[in-house]
Amino acid sequence: HWNQAGLQERIDYGIYKGYDNGSGYGPYNTTTRAELVAFLDRIMEYKLTSDNTYPDVEKDWYTDVLLRGVAAGVICGDDAGTMRPNDLVTREEAAVILARVLDLDSAGAQPGGFADANAISPWAQNSVNAMVAAGYIHGYPDGSFGPKRPITRAELIGMLDNMFTDLYQKAGTYNKDVAGSAVVAKSGTTLK
């Protein structure tokens, strides 16, 4: 697989998990809104939970994950007040959610220069541009971004790899230069 090293690293961290039915990891499978927030929750270890005001979020494996994502401000419902947890996430939606995670200043980002830039929804343009400017997302070899394409699990892991250079999940002292963003998920962690 084109992102085997990144996938394996995230498997080792416990971020990228296989399906409960034993069918493997599905790197070419598309990603749902609930799955995307689950990946983020495993990285960021969100603590606060929002009240469930979403009629389509019933008790399921993703309920608490989504409500932590809502409390963290990385995902929200749609204009109809629904969450759509099992809907596929498009590449532009993923860019918006991931830009929220890092609280990127997207207002002044220059256009990413994609061949299909006019297909990016107005509500997503600033986030896509900011993610491109930061080097977190890239287009396809043909110069397109594919904003309406559902994002695959491997593409999402690739974006997360670009966003988070290092992930520290165990307390300790680390003597490593970090060229990018790092997530320190445990107290008692020191970076030198």
Protein backbone atom coordinates (compact mmCIF):
# COMPACT_ATOMS: atom_id res chain seq x y z
CA HIS A 1 0.00 0.00 0.00
CA TRP A 2 1.25 3.51 -0.81
CA ASN A 3 1.00 4.60 2.86
CA GLN A 4 2.01 1.33 4.53
CA ALA A 5 4.60 2.92 6.84
CA GLY A 6 2.15 5.57 8.05
CA LEU A 7 -0.62 3.02 8.48
CA GLN A 8 1.61 0.67 10.46
CA GLU A 9 2.79 3.47 12.74
CA ARG A 10 -0.82 4.47 13.50
CA ILE A 11 -1.76 0.82 14.03
CA ASP A 12 1.09 0.52 16.54
CA TYR A 13 -0.15 3.65 18.34
CA GLY A 14 -3.68 2.19 18.52
CA ILE A 15 -5.14 5.00 16.40
CA TYR A 16 -5.89 3.05 13.25
CA LYS A 17 -7.93 -0.01 14.12
CA GLY A 18 -9.41 -2.75 12.04
CA TYR A 19 -13.07 -3.49 11.70
CA ASP A 20 -14.87 -5.38 14.46
CA ASN A 21 -16.01 -8.01 11.98
CA GLY A 22 -12.41 -9.12 11.39
CA SER A 23 -12.27 -7.91 7.79
CA GLY A 24 -8.99 -6.07 8.32
CA TYR A 25 -8.05 -2.41 8.23
CA GLY A 26 -9.58 -1.40 4.91
CA PRO A 27 -7.13 1.32 3.84
CA TYR A 28 -8.97 1.81 0.53
CA ASN A 29 -12.36 1.96 2.25
CA THR A 30 -14.06 5.30 2.60
CA THR A 31 -14.38 6.96 6.00
CA THR A 32 -17.55 7.91 7.83
CA ARG A 33 -17.98 10.98 10.00
CA ALA A 34 -17.97 8.79 13.09
CA GLU A 35 -14.77 7.01 12.03
CA LEU A 36 -12.97 10.30 11.38
CA VAL A 37 -13.84 11.61 14.83
CA ALA A 38 -12.84 8.25 16.36
CA PHE A 39 -9.36 8.60 14.80
CA LEU A 40 -9.09 12.12 16.23
CA ASP A 41 -10.37 11.04 19.63
CA ARG A 42 -7.70 8.33 19.83
CA ILE A 43 -5.01 10.92 19.07
CA MET A 44 -6.26 13.86 21.11
CA GLU A 45 -7.91 11.88 23.93
CA TYR A 46 -10.77 14.33 24.33
CA LYS A 47 -12.16 14.38 27.86
CA LEU A 48 -15.30 16.53 27.83
CA THR A 49 -18.58 15.23 26.42
CA SER A 50 -21.42 17.28 24.98
CA ASP A 51 -25.08 16.55 25.60
CA ASN A 52 -26.66 14.48 22.85
CA THR A 53 -29.06 16.75 20.99
CA TYR A 54 -28.83 14.79 17.73
CA PRO A 55 -31.83 12.61 16.88
CA ASP A 56 -29.69 10.39 14.63
CA VAL A 57 -27.04 9.65 17.27
CA GLU A 58 -28.44 6.71 19.14
CA LYS A 59 -26.45 4.54 21.50
CA ASP A 60 -23.80 2.96 19.32
CA TRP A 61 -20.01 2.48 19.30
CA TYR A 62 -19.53 6.07 18.13
CA THR A 63 -21.93 7.93 20.45
CA ASP A 64 -19.45 9.01 23.12
CA VAL A 65 -16.71 9.61 20.53
CA LEU A 66 -18.93 11.99 18.54
CA LEU A 67 -20.12 13.82 21.64
CA ARG A 68 -16.50 14.34 22.73
CA GLY A 69 -15.76 15.67 19.23
CA VAL A 70 -18.69 18.08 19.53
CA ALA A 71 -17.46 19.28 22.94
CA ALA A 72 -13.96 19.79 21.47
CA GLY A 73 -15.44 21.84 18.63
CA VAL A 74 -14.10 19.69 15.81
CA ILE A 75 -17.43 18.44 14.48
CA CYS A 76 -20.97 19.74 14.55
CA GLY A 77 -24.32 18.83 13.19
CA ASP A 78 -25.86 20.05 9.98
CA ASP A 79 -28.51 22.72 9.40
CA ALA A 80 -31.23 20.15 10.11
CA GLY A 81 -29.76 19.41 13.56
CA THR A 82 -28.52 15.94 12.63
CA MET A 83 -25.00 14.51 12.92
CA ARG A 84 -25.12 11.93 10.11
CA PRO A 85 -22.55 9.65 11.80
CA ASN A 86 -22.61 7.00 9.08
CA ASP A 87 -22.35 9.43 6.15
CA LEU A 88 -19.12 9.33 4.20
CA VAL A 89 -16.74 12.24 4.73
CA THR A 90 -15.63 14.11 1.65
CA ARG A 91 -12.09 15.41 1.29
CA GLU A 92 -13.29 18.99 1.76
CA GLU A 93 -15.24 18.06 4.90
CA ALA A 94 -12.16 16.31 6.27
CA ALA A 95 -10.09 19.44 5.62
CA VAL A 96 -12.57 21.57 7.58
CA ILE A 97 -12.66 19.17 10.53
CA LEU A 98 -8.87 18.75 10.61
CA ALA A 99 -8.32 22.52 10.38
CA ARG A 100 -10.54 22.88 13.46
CA VAL A 101 -8.39 20.37 15.36
CA LEU A 102 -5.35 22.60 14.96
CA ASP A 103 -7.34 25.82 15.15
CA LEU A 104 -5.68 26.96 11.92
CA ASP A 105 -6.06 30.57 10.91
CA SER A 106 -7.72 29.96 7.59
CA ALA A 107 -8.97 33.45 6.77
CA GLY A 108 -5.93 34.65 4.82
CA ALA A 109 -4.66 31.42 3.30
CA GLN A 110 -3.79 31.60 -0.37
CA PRO A 111 -5.65 29.31 -2.78
CA GLY A 112 -4.11 25.87 -3.09
CA GLY A 113 -3.94 26.05 -6.88
CA PHE A 114 -5.88 22.88 -7.60
CA ALA A 115 -7.21 22.25 -11.10
CA ASP A 116 -10.67 21.73 -9.58
CA ALA A 117 -10.50 24.61 -7.07
CA ASN A 118 -13.85 25.92 -8.34
CA ALA A 119 -15.47 22.66 -7.15
CA ILE A 120 -14.49 23.31 -3.52
CA SER A 121 -17.55 24.48 -1.58
CA PRO A 122 -17.36 28.09 -0.36
CA TRP A 123 -17.67 26.98 3.28
CA ALA A 124 -14.61 24.73 2.86
CA GLN A 125 -12.31 26.91 0.74
CA ASN A 126 -10.49 28.68 3.56
CA SER A 127 -9.87 25.46 5.48
CA VAL A 128 -8.65 23.59 2.39
CA ASN A 129 -6.33 26.49 1.55
CA ALA A 130 -4.98 26.67 5.11
CA MET A 131 -4.36 22.92 5.23
CA VAL A 132 -2.53 23.09 1.88
CA ALA A 133 -0.47 26.11 2.98
CA ALA A 134 0.57 24.25 6.13
CA GLY A 135 1.59 21.21 4.07
CA TYR A 136 -0.96 18.93 5.71
CA ILE A 137 -2.96 18.02 2.61
CA HIS A 138 -2.08 17.48 -1.00
CA GLY A 139 -3.89 16.88 -4.22
CA TYR A 140 -3.72 14.07 -6.71
CA PRO A 141 -1.04 13.64 -9.39
CA ASP A 142 -3.36 15.21 -11.98
CA GLY A 143 -3.41 18.48 -9.99
CA SER A 144 -6.93 18.01 -8.63
CA PHE A 145 -8.03 17.96 -5.00
CA GLY A 146 -11.23 15.96 -5.42
CA PRO A 147 -13.20 17.94 -2.84
CA LYS A 148 -16.41 15.93 -3.22
CA ARG A 149 -14.67 12.53 -3.24
CA PRO A 150 -15.14 10.48 -0.09
CA ILE A 151 -11.84 10.30 1.76
CA THR A 152 -10.30 6.87 2.21
CA ARG A 153 -8.97 5.64 5.51
CA ALA A 154 -5.41 5.68 4.11
CA GLU A 155 -5.79 9.26 2.83
CA LEU A 156 -7.03 10.34 6.25
CA ILE A 157 -4.10 8.66 7.98
CA GLY A 158 -1.78 10.39 5.50
CA MET A 159 -3.25 13.77 6.44
CA LEU A 160 -2.94 12.96 10.14
CA ASP A 161 0.69 11.90 9.61
CA ASN A 162 1.35 15.26 7.96
CA MET A 163 -0.36 17.10 10.82
CA PHE A 164 1.17 15.27 13.76
CA THR A 165 4.85 14.54 13.38
CA ASP A 166 5.04 12.82 16.74
CA LEU A 167 2.64 11.37 19.27
CA TYR A 168 3.67 10.86 22.88
CA GLN A 169 1.28 8.48 24.63
CA LYS A 170 3.52 7.44 27.52
CA ALA A 171 4.93 9.57 30.31
CA GLY A 172 8.67 10.11 30.14
CA THR A 173 11.43 12.37 28.91
CA TYR A 174 12.03 12.58 25.19
CA ASN A 175 15.13 14.09 23.59
CA LYS A 176 13.99 14.45 20.03
CA ASP A 177 13.63 17.42 17.74
CA VAL A 178 10.09 17.70 16.43
CA ALA A 179 9.73 19.26 13.00
CA GLY A 180 6.02 19.98 13.09
CA SER A 181 3.17 19.42 15.51
CA ALA A 182 3.33 16.89 18.29
CA VAL A 183 0.60 15.56 20.55
CA VAL A 184 1.47 14.98 24.18
CA ALA A 185 -1.29 12.72 25.43
CA LYS A 186 -0.04 11.92 28.94
CA SER A 187 0.92 14.08 31.88
CA GLY A 188 4.46 13.55 33.10
CA THR A 189 5.82 13.89 29.57
CA THR A 190 8.84 16.16 29.02
CA LEU A 191 10.20 17.17 25.63
CA LYS A 192 13.80 18.42 25.57
